Amino acid sequence: MESRSSHRELCWIAKPRAIVGELSKLSDGEKTLFHLIWYILIGLIAGVIAKSVMNVHLTLFWTIVLGIIGSIMGGAVTHMFLRPRNERYHPAGLIFSSLGAMLVLFICYKLNIRLPTINLALR
């Protein structure tokens, strides 16, 4: 039995297309967890892009939060122009998530809202 489970784990690593096929077999709870991990990953990437462009030093937690908020804002903007086929709300892709996060940083800068930053002087 152990060889089958190790073979299955190897398939997940070696064949990325197998992951897509296995996603349809997941339960609702597992899909929810997968979506949560996906939001965090996209939020992290979009937050890193936005804070690099805007030259802001944020902690990892606030970078992820910034990216998730940017994704929600980017999704709202894309829904204004392009209606989704299934009429459900979905967050924006990486490009609009990054643009939304940059917009959040710009609004915070203009309204003089201070986000928790990393103090680089102490390093």
N, C-alpha and C. Protein backbone atom coordinates (compact mmCIF):
# COMPACT_ATOMS: atom_id res chain seq x y z
N MET A 1 0.80 -1.20 0.00
CA MET A 1 0.00 0.00 0.00
C MET A 1 0.85 1.26 0.00
N GLU A 2 1.98 1.21 0.67
CA GLU A 2 2.80 2.41 0.74
C GLU A 2 3.36 2.78 -0.62
N SER A 3 3.64 1.79 -1.45
CA SER A 3 4.18 2.12 -2.77
C SER A 3 3.14 2.83 -3.62
N ARG A 4 1.85 2.48 -3.46
CA ARG A 4 0.80 3.17 -4.20
C ARG A 4 0.67 4.62 -3.77
N SER A 5 0.71 4.87 -2.46
CA SER A 5 0.58 6.25 -2.00
C SER A 5 1.79 7.08 -2.40
N SER A 6 2.98 6.49 -2.37
CA SER A 6 4.15 7.25 -2.80
C SER A 6 4.11 7.49 -4.30
N HIS A 7 3.56 6.51 -5.07
CA HIS A 7 3.41 6.71 -6.50
C HIS A 7 2.41 7.83 -6.78
N ARG A 8 1.33 7.88 -6.01
CA ARG A 8 0.33 8.92 -6.17
C ARG A 8 0.93 10.29 -5.86
N GLU A 9 1.73 10.38 -4.79
CA GLU A 9 2.38 11.64 -4.46
C GLU A 9 3.36 12.04 -5.55
N LEU A 10 4.06 11.08 -6.14
CA LEU A 10 5.00 11.36 -7.21
C LEU A 10 4.25 11.90 -8.43
N CYS A 11 3.06 11.35 -8.71
CA CYS A 11 2.27 11.84 -9.84
C CYS A 11 1.90 13.31 -9.64
N TRP A 12 1.57 13.69 -8.41
CA TRP A 12 1.22 15.08 -8.14
C TRP A 12 2.39 15.99 -8.40
N ILE A 13 3.58 15.50 -8.10
CA ILE A 13 4.78 16.32 -8.32
C ILE A 13 5.19 16.31 -9.78
N ALA A 14 5.17 15.14 -10.42
CA ALA A 14 5.71 14.99 -11.76
C ALA A 14 4.73 15.44 -12.84
N LYS A 15 3.43 15.31 -12.62
CA LYS A 15 2.45 15.62 -13.66
C LYS A 15 1.51 16.72 -13.21
N PRO A 16 1.78 17.96 -13.57
CA PRO A 16 0.89 19.05 -13.16
C PRO A 16 -0.52 18.92 -13.72
N ARG A 17 -0.68 18.27 -14.86
CA ARG A 17 -2.02 18.12 -15.44
C ARG A 17 -2.89 17.20 -14.59
N ALA A 18 -2.25 16.31 -13.84
CA ALA A 18 -3.01 15.43 -12.96
C ALA A 18 -3.68 16.22 -11.85
N ILE A 19 -3.08 17.33 -11.45
CA ILE A 19 -3.66 18.16 -10.40
C ILE A 19 -4.99 18.73 -10.88
N VAL A 20 -5.05 19.20 -12.11
CA VAL A 20 -6.28 19.77 -12.64
C VAL A 20 -7.36 18.71 -12.71
N GLY A 21 -7.01 17.51 -13.10
CA GLY A 21 -7.98 16.42 -13.16
C GLY A 21 -8.48 16.03 -11.78
N GLU A 22 -7.62 16.09 -10.80
CA GLU A 22 -7.99 15.72 -9.43
C GLU A 22 -8.85 16.80 -8.76
N LEU A 23 -8.79 18.03 -9.23
CA LEU A 23 -9.56 19.11 -8.60
C LEU A 23 -11.06 18.88 -8.74
N SER A 24 -11.48 18.26 -9.82
CA SER A 24 -12.91 18.01 -10.00
C SER A 24 -13.42 16.96 -9.03
N LYS A 25 -12.54 16.15 -8.45
CA LYS A 25 -12.95 15.10 -7.53
C LYS A 25 -12.95 15.56 -6.07
N LEU A 26 -12.55 16.79 -5.80
CA LEU A 26 -12.47 17.28 -4.43
C LEU A 26 -13.85 17.57 -3.86
N SER A 27 -13.97 17.46 -2.54
CA SER A 27 -15.22 17.82 -1.87
C SER A 27 -15.31 19.34 -1.76
N ASP A 28 -16.46 19.83 -1.31
CA ASP A 28 -16.66 21.28 -1.19
C ASP A 28 -15.70 21.90 -0.19
N GLY A 29 -15.43 21.22 0.92
CA GLY A 29 -14.51 21.74 1.92
C GLY A 29 -13.09 21.83 1.39
N GLU A 30 -12.69 20.83 0.61
CA GLU A 30 -11.35 20.85 0.04
C GLU A 30 -11.22 21.94 -1.02
N LYS A 31 -12.30 22.16 -1.79
CA LYS A 31 -12.27 23.24 -2.79
C LYS A 31 -12.18 24.60 -2.11
N THR A 32 -12.88 24.76 -0.99
CA THR A 32 -12.83 26.02 -0.25
C THR A 32 -11.42 26.29 0.25
N LEU A 33 -10.77 25.26 0.77
CA LEU A 33 -9.40 25.40 1.24
C LEU A 33 -8.46 25.74 0.09
N PHE A 34 -8.68 25.10 -1.06
CA PHE A 34 -7.85 25.39 -2.23
C PHE A 34 -8.03 26.84 -2.66
N HIS A 35 -9.28 27.35 -2.66
CA HIS A 35 -9.53 28.74 -3.03
C HIS A 35 -8.87 29.70 -2.05
N LEU A 36 -8.91 29.38 -0.77
CA LEU A 36 -8.28 30.22 0.25
C LEU A 36 -6.78 30.29 0.03
N ILE A 37 -6.16 29.16 -0.23
CA ILE A 37 -4.71 29.14 -0.51
C ILE A 37 -4.41 29.92 -1.79
N TRP A 38 -5.27 29.79 -2.79
CA TRP A 38 -5.07 30.51 -4.05
C TRP A 38 -5.18 32.02 -3.85
N TYR A 39 -6.17 32.47 -3.04
CA TYR A 39 -6.30 33.90 -2.74
C TYR A 39 -5.05 34.42 -2.04
N ILE A 40 -4.53 33.67 -1.10
CA ILE A 40 -3.33 34.10 -0.37
C ILE A 40 -2.13 34.17 -1.30
N LEU A 41 -1.99 33.19 -2.18
CA LEU A 41 -0.86 33.18 -3.11
C LEU A 41 -0.94 34.35 -4.10
N ILE A 42 -2.10 34.55 -4.70
CA ILE A 42 -2.26 35.68 -5.63
C ILE A 42 -2.13 37.00 -4.89
N GLY A 43 -2.66 37.06 -3.66
CA GLY A 43 -2.52 38.28 -2.86
C GLY A 43 -1.07 38.60 -2.56
N LEU A 44 -0.29 37.57 -2.27
CA LEU A 44 1.14 37.78 -2.00
C LEU A 44 1.86 38.30 -3.24
N ILE A 45 1.61 37.67 -4.38
CA ILE A 45 2.30 38.09 -5.62
C ILE A 45 1.87 39.50 -6.02
N ALA A 46 0.57 39.78 -5.98
CA ALA A 46 0.09 41.11 -6.35
C ALA A 46 0.58 42.17 -5.37
N GLY A 47 0.62 41.84 -4.08
CA GLY A 47 1.12 42.78 -3.07
C GLY A 47 2.60 43.09 -3.26
N VAL A 48 3.38 42.07 -3.59
CA VAL A 48 4.82 42.28 -3.82
C VAL A 48 5.03 43.16 -5.04
N ILE A 49 4.27 42.91 -6.10
CA ILE A 49 4.39 43.74 -7.30
C ILE A 49 4.02 45.19 -6.99
N ALA A 50 2.90 45.38 -6.28
CA ALA A 50 2.42 46.74 -5.98
C ALA A 50 3.38 47.48 -5.07
N LYS A 51 3.87 46.83 -4.03
CA LYS A 51 4.76 47.54 -3.11
C LYS A 51 6.13 47.79 -3.74
N SER A 52 6.52 46.97 -4.72
CA SER A 52 7.77 47.23 -5.43
C SER A 52 7.63 48.43 -6.35
N VAL A 53 6.51 48.52 -7.03
CA VAL A 53 6.28 49.64 -7.95
C VAL A 53 6.12 50.95 -7.17
N MET A 54 5.38 50.89 -6.07
CA MET A 54 5.10 52.10 -5.28
C MET A 54 6.20 52.41 -4.26
N ASN A 55 7.21 51.56 -4.17
CA ASN A 55 8.36 51.75 -3.28
C ASN A 55 7.93 51.90 -1.81
N VAL A 56 7.19 50.89 -1.34
CA VAL A 56 6.71 50.84 0.03
C VAL A 56 7.25 49.57 0.66
N HIS A 57 7.66 49.64 1.91
CA HIS A 57 8.18 48.48 2.63
C HIS A 57 7.14 48.03 3.65
N LEU A 58 6.48 46.90 3.36
CA LEU A 58 5.45 46.36 4.23
C LEU A 58 5.87 44.98 4.75
N THR A 59 5.23 44.58 5.86
CA THR A 59 5.48 43.24 6.36
C THR A 59 4.78 42.23 5.44
N LEU A 60 5.11 40.96 5.62
CA LEU A 60 4.54 39.91 4.78
C LEU A 60 3.02 39.84 4.94
N PHE A 61 2.54 39.93 6.17
CA PHE A 61 1.10 39.89 6.42
C PHE A 61 0.37 41.02 5.69
N TRP A 62 0.87 42.24 5.81
CA TRP A 62 0.21 43.38 5.18
C TRP A 62 0.37 43.37 3.67
N THR A 63 1.43 42.73 3.18
CA THR A 63 1.58 42.57 1.73
C THR A 63 0.49 41.66 1.19
N ILE A 64 0.21 40.56 1.90
CA ILE A 64 -0.86 39.64 1.47
C ILE A 64 -2.22 40.33 1.57
N VAL A 65 -2.46 41.05 2.66
CA VAL A 65 -3.73 41.77 2.83
C VAL A 65 -3.90 42.80 1.72
N LEU A 66 -2.84 43.53 1.41
CA LEU A 66 -2.89 44.52 0.33
C LEU A 66 -3.22 43.85 -1.00
N GLY A 67 -2.61 42.72 -1.29
CA GLY A 67 -2.89 42.02 -2.54
C GLY A 67 -4.31 41.50 -2.62
N ILE A 68 -4.85 40.99 -1.50
CA ILE A 68 -6.22 40.49 -1.50
C ILE A 68 -7.21 41.64 -1.69
N ILE A 69 -6.99 42.75 -1.01
CA ILE A 69 -7.86 43.92 -1.20
C ILE A 69 -7.76 44.44 -2.63
N GLY A 70 -6.55 44.46 -3.17
CA GLY A 70 -6.37 44.87 -4.56
C GLY A 70 -7.07 43.93 -5.52
N SER A 71 -7.09 42.65 -5.21
CA SER A 71 -7.78 41.68 -6.05
C SER A 71 -9.29 41.90 -6.02
N ILE A 72 -9.82 42.22 -4.85
CA ILE A 72 -11.26 42.51 -4.74
C ILE A 72 -11.59 43.77 -5.53
N MET A 73 -10.76 44.81 -5.41
CA MET A 73 -11.01 46.05 -6.15
C MET A 73 -10.86 45.83 -7.65
N GLY A 74 -9.82 45.09 -8.05
CA GLY A 74 -9.63 44.79 -9.46
C GLY A 74 -10.78 43.97 -10.03
N GLY A 75 -11.30 43.03 -9.22
CA GLY A 75 -12.45 42.25 -9.66
C GLY A 75 -13.69 43.09 -9.84
N ALA A 76 -13.87 44.08 -8.94
CA ALA A 76 -15.02 44.97 -9.07
C ALA A 76 -14.92 45.82 -10.34
N VAL A 77 -13.74 46.30 -10.65
CA VAL A 77 -13.55 47.11 -11.86
C VAL A 77 -13.78 46.27 -13.11
N THR A 78 -13.26 45.05 -13.13
CA THR A 78 -13.46 44.21 -14.32
C THR A 78 -14.91 43.82 -14.48
N HIS A 79 -15.66 43.69 -13.38
CA HIS A 79 -17.07 43.36 -13.48
C HIS A 79 -17.88 44.52 -14.03
N MET A 80 -17.38 45.74 -13.89
CA MET A 80 -18.10 46.88 -14.46
C MET A 80 -18.08 46.84 -15.98
N PHE A 81 -17.00 46.34 -16.55
CA PHE A 81 -16.84 46.36 -18.00
C PHE A 81 -17.12 45.01 -18.66
N LEU A 82 -16.78 43.92 -18.00
CA LEU A 82 -16.98 42.59 -18.56
C LEU A 82 -17.79 41.75 -17.57
N ARG A 83 -19.00 41.41 -17.94
CA ARG A 83 -19.84 40.59 -17.07
C ARG A 83 -19.38 39.14 -17.14
N PRO A 84 -19.28 38.46 -16.00
CA PRO A 84 -18.89 37.05 -16.03
C PRO A 84 -20.03 36.18 -16.57
N ARG A 85 -19.67 35.05 -17.13
CA ARG A 85 -20.67 34.17 -17.73
C ARG A 85 -21.56 33.51 -16.68
N ASN A 86 -20.99 33.18 -15.53
CA ASN A 86 -21.77 32.45 -14.53
C ASN A 86 -22.41 33.36 -13.49
N GLU A 87 -22.30 34.67 -13.66
CA GLU A 87 -22.91 35.68 -12.78
C GLU A 87 -22.46 35.59 -11.32
N ARG A 88 -21.36 34.94 -11.07
CA ARG A 88 -20.80 34.90 -9.72
C ARG A 88 -19.64 35.87 -9.65
N TYR A 89 -19.40 36.39 -8.45
CA TYR A 89 -18.26 37.27 -8.27
C TYR A 89 -17.00 36.44 -8.20
N HIS A 90 -15.97 36.87 -8.87
CA HIS A 90 -14.66 36.24 -8.75
C HIS A 90 -13.61 37.34 -8.72
N PRO A 91 -12.53 37.12 -7.99
CA PRO A 91 -11.50 38.15 -7.93
C PRO A 91 -10.80 38.30 -9.28
N ALA A 92 -10.10 39.39 -9.42
CA ALA A 92 -9.42 39.68 -10.68
C ALA A 92 -8.20 38.78 -10.86
N GLY A 93 -7.66 38.81 -12.04
CA GLY A 93 -6.43 38.10 -12.31
C GLY A 93 -5.25 38.85 -11.72
N LEU A 94 -4.07 38.38 -12.01
CA LEU A 94 -2.86 38.94 -11.40
C LEU A 94 -2.63 40.40 -11.82
N ILE A 95 -2.90 40.73 -13.06
CA ILE A 95 -2.65 42.09 -13.54
C ILE A 95 -3.58 43.10 -12.84
N PHE A 96 -4.88 42.80 -12.85
CA PHE A 96 -5.81 43.73 -12.20
C PHE A 96 -5.70 43.70 -10.69
N SER A 97 -5.26 42.57 -10.13
CA SER A 97 -5.01 42.52 -8.69
C SER A 97 -3.86 43.45 -8.32
N SER A 98 -2.81 43.45 -9.13
CA SER A 98 -1.67 44.34 -8.88
C SER A 98 -2.07 45.80 -9.06
N LEU A 99 -2.84 46.09 -10.11
CA LEU A 99 -3.29 47.46 -10.32
C LEU A 99 -4.21 47.92 -9.20
N GLY A 100 -5.07 47.04 -8.71
CA GLY A 100 -5.94 47.37 -7.59
C GLY A 100 -5.14 47.63 -6.32
N ALA A 101 -4.10 46.84 -6.09
CA ALA A 101 -3.25 47.04 -4.91
C ALA A 101 -2.48 48.36 -5.02
N MET A 102 -2.04 48.71 -6.22
CA MET A 102 -1.37 50.00 -6.41
C MET A 102 -2.35 51.15 -6.15
N LEU A 103 -3.60 50.96 -6.56
CA LEU A 103 -4.62 51.97 -6.31
C LEU A 103 -4.86 52.13 -4.81
N VAL A 104 -4.88 51.02 -4.07
CA VAL A 104 -5.04 51.08 -2.61
C VAL A 104 -3.88 51.84 -1.98
N LEU A 105 -2.65 51.54 -2.41
CA LEU A 105 -1.48 52.25 -1.87
C LEU A 105 -1.54 53.74 -2.21
N PHE A 106 -1.97 54.07 -3.43
CA PHE A 106 -2.06 55.47 -3.84
C PHE A 106 -3.10 56.21 -2.99
N ILE A 107 -4.26 55.58 -2.77
CA ILE A 107 -5.30 56.20 -1.95
C ILE A 107 -4.81 56.38 -0.52
N CYS A 108 -4.12 55.39 0.02
CA CYS A 108 -3.57 55.51 1.38
C CYS A 108 -2.56 56.65 1.46
N TYR A 109 -1.76 56.81 0.41
CA TYR A 109 -0.76 57.89 0.38
C TYR A 109 -1.45 59.25 0.34
N LYS A 110 -2.48 59.38 -0.51
CA LYS A 110 -3.17 60.66 -0.65
C LYS A 110 -3.97 61.03 0.59
N LEU A 111 -4.55 60.04 1.27
CA LEU A 111 -5.33 60.30 2.47
C LEU A 111 -4.48 60.28 3.74
N ASN A 112 -3.18 60.12 3.57
CA ASN A 112 -2.21 60.12 4.67
C ASN A 112 -2.51 59.01 5.69
N ILE A 113 -2.87 57.85 5.17
CA ILE A 113 -3.10 56.67 6.00
C ILE A 113 -1.79 55.89 6.07
N ARG A 114 -1.31 55.65 7.26
CA ARG A 114 -0.04 54.96 7.45
C ARG A 114 -0.26 53.47 7.66
N LEU A 115 0.35 52.66 6.83
CA LEU A 115 0.31 51.22 6.98
C LEU A 115 1.53 50.78 7.80
N PRO A 116 1.45 49.67 8.50
CA PRO A 116 2.62 49.19 9.25
C PRO A 116 3.76 48.85 8.29
N THR A 117 4.88 49.44 8.49
CA THR A 117 6.03 49.23 7.61
C THR A 117 7.17 48.58 8.37
N ILE A 118 8.15 48.13 7.62
CA ILE A 118 9.37 47.58 8.21
C ILE A 118 10.33 48.73 8.45
N ASN A 119 10.86 48.81 9.65
CA ASN A 119 11.82 49.86 9.98
C ASN A 119 13.19 49.40 9.50
N LEU A 120 13.66 49.93 8.39
CA LEU A 120 14.93 49.52 7.81
C LEU A 120 16.12 50.13 8.53
N ALA A 121 15.91 51.14 9.36
CA ALA A 121 17.01 51.80 10.06
C ALA A 121 17.59 50.91 11.15
N LEU A 122 16.80 49.99 11.67
CA LEU A 122 17.27 49.13 12.75
C LEU A 122 18.07 47.94 12.27
N ARG A 123 18.12 47.70 11.00
CA ARG A 123 18.85 46.56 10.47
C ARG A 123 20.31 46.79 10.39
